[in-house]
Amino acid sequence: MALRHQAKSNFEEIEKLRLNYREKYNQAQMMTAPVEHAYCHWLIKNHYTGHADIVELGCFLGSMSRALVNGLKENQTPSAHERKIQVYDRFVWIENMDQWTAGLKLENRPEIGSSYKPLYE
């Protein structure tokens, strides 16, 4: 019974986070769904031990990076705060990124083939 209660509690926490990410961020900023942001936030907050750095591959405009950082800020494990989140991306604007960002008002929309790292930073 305790395990079922814990699972329900975990689900409720993740659902609250999901609604927060859905409300806070425009879906055009994300290539991943709010539930994925919520789960990663929850996972880092509750289960990350700080044994190794966190690595994100393909960070696009940083919505998942924010979820990882938010989870890390809420993590109660002292060794977790000594670690880094390492992000890797080519940061080269490709054609389909125009579709992903169509709903965003970007002042300086990158040209295809150019760097979009300033948008991430």
Protein backbone atom coordinates (compact mmCIF):
# COMPACT_ATOMS: atom_id res chain seq x y z
CA MET A 1 0.00 0.00 0.00
CA ALA A 2 2.86 2.40 0.81
CA LEU A 3 4.38 1.82 -2.63
CA ARG A 4 1.06 2.63 -4.31
CA HIS A 5 0.77 5.82 -2.24
CA GLN A 6 4.34 6.83 -3.18
CA ALA A 7 3.66 6.19 -6.89
CA LYS A 8 0.51 8.32 -6.70
CA SER A 9 2.42 11.07 -4.91
CA ASN A 10 5.17 10.96 -7.56
CA PHE A 11 2.60 11.12 -10.35
CA GLU A 12 0.88 14.10 -8.75
CA GLU A 13 4.18 15.96 -8.38
CA ILE A 14 5.12 15.27 -12.01
CA GLU A 15 1.66 16.35 -13.20
CA LYS A 16 1.94 19.64 -11.29
CA LEU A 17 5.35 20.24 -12.89
CA ARG A 18 3.99 19.35 -16.34
CA LEU A 19 1.21 21.91 -16.05
CA ASN A 20 3.72 24.51 -14.89
CA TYR A 21 6.01 23.88 -17.89
CA ARG A 22 3.07 23.90 -20.29
CA GLU A 23 1.87 27.21 -18.89
CA LYS A 24 5.28 28.85 -18.54
CA TYR A 25 6.86 28.07 -21.89
CA ASN A 26 5.60 28.43 -25.42
CA GLN A 27 5.58 24.98 -27.08
CA ALA A 28 7.49 26.55 -29.97
CA GLN A 29 10.50 26.86 -27.66
CA MET A 30 10.54 23.12 -27.11
CA MET A 31 11.27 20.06 -29.19
CA THR A 32 10.20 17.96 -26.22
CA ALA A 33 6.86 17.83 -24.45
CA PRO A 34 6.05 19.46 -21.10
CA VAL A 35 5.66 16.01 -19.55
CA GLU A 36 9.27 15.22 -20.53
CA HIS A 37 10.44 18.47 -18.90
CA ALA A 38 8.44 17.66 -15.79
CA TYR A 39 9.81 14.12 -15.57
CA CYS A 40 13.44 15.21 -15.99
CA HIS A 41 12.95 18.00 -13.43
CA TRP A 42 11.42 15.50 -10.98
CA LEU A 43 14.11 12.88 -11.66
CA ILE A 44 17.00 15.30 -11.07
CA LYS A 45 15.30 16.73 -7.98
CA ASN A 46 14.54 13.39 -6.35
CA HIS A 47 17.05 10.84 -7.63
CA TYR A 48 20.21 12.55 -8.87
CA THR A 49 23.05 11.75 -6.46
CA GLY A 50 25.80 13.92 -7.90
CA HIS A 51 27.87 10.87 -8.83
CA ALA A 52 28.67 12.39 -12.24
CA ASP A 53 27.87 15.47 -14.32
CA ILE A 54 24.55 15.70 -16.13
CA VAL A 55 24.90 15.69 -19.93
CA GLU A 56 22.34 17.05 -22.37
CA LEU A 57 22.83 16.33 -26.05
CA GLY A 58 21.02 18.61 -28.49
CA CYS A 59 19.76 21.45 -26.30
CA PHE A 60 18.08 23.60 -29.02
CA LEU A 61 16.79 26.75 -27.24
CA GLY A 62 17.30 25.45 -23.72
CA SER A 63 13.87 24.47 -22.43
CA MET A 64 15.12 21.08 -21.21
CA SER A 65 18.25 22.75 -19.84
CA ARG A 66 15.95 24.93 -17.69
CA ALA A 67 14.11 21.84 -16.44
CA LEU A 68 17.40 20.17 -15.49
CA VAL A 69 18.64 23.32 -13.73
CA ASN A 70 15.34 23.71 -11.85
CA GLY A 71 15.48 20.09 -10.67
CA LEU A 72 19.09 20.51 -9.60
CA LYS A 73 18.26 23.66 -7.61
CA GLU A 74 15.63 21.68 -5.67
CA ASN A 75 17.85 18.63 -5.11
CA GLN A 76 18.70 18.16 -1.42
CA THR A 77 21.87 16.09 -1.99
CA PRO A 78 24.93 18.25 -1.19
CA SER A 79 27.20 16.48 -3.70
CA ALA A 80 24.69 17.18 -6.49
CA HIS A 81 25.43 20.90 -6.28
CA GLU A 82 29.12 20.32 -6.93
CA ARG A 83 28.37 18.94 -10.40
CA LYS A 84 27.73 20.63 -13.73
CA ILE A 85 25.17 20.28 -16.47
CA GLN A 86 27.14 19.91 -19.68
CA VAL A 87 25.25 20.73 -22.88
CA TYR A 88 26.36 19.85 -26.37
CA ASP A 89 24.89 20.99 -29.63
CA ARG A 90 26.17 22.01 -33.05
CA PHE A 91 24.13 25.23 -32.66
CA VAL A 92 23.69 25.40 -36.43
CA TRP A 93 20.28 26.60 -37.62
CA ILE A 94 18.70 24.11 -40.01
CA GLU A 95 15.60 24.43 -42.14
CA ASN A 96 13.11 22.62 -39.87
CA MET A 97 13.96 24.96 -36.99
CA ASP A 98 11.95 27.67 -38.74
CA GLN A 99 8.89 25.43 -38.30
CA TRP A 100 9.65 24.80 -34.62
CA THR A 101 9.96 28.52 -33.92
CA ALA A 102 7.21 29.87 -36.17
CA GLY A 103 5.20 31.04 -33.12
CA LEU A 104 8.10 32.88 -31.53
CA LYS A 105 8.95 36.50 -32.07
CA LEU A 106 12.67 36.26 -32.69
CA GLU A 107 14.30 39.63 -33.31
CA ASN A 108 17.23 38.13 -35.17
CA ARG A 109 16.06 34.86 -36.67
CA PRO A 110 19.18 32.98 -37.74
CA GLU A 111 19.80 32.20 -41.37
CA ILE A 112 20.00 28.55 -42.33
CA GLY A 113 23.54 27.35 -41.69
CA SER A 114 24.39 30.07 -39.16
CA SER A 115 24.84 29.77 -35.40
CA TYR A 116 21.89 30.13 -33.06
CA LYS A 117 23.97 29.87 -29.88
CA PRO A 118 23.10 33.48 -28.87
CA LEU A 119 19.42 32.40 -28.70
CA TYR A 120 20.36 29.60 -26.31
CA GLU A 121 22.53 31.77 -24.09
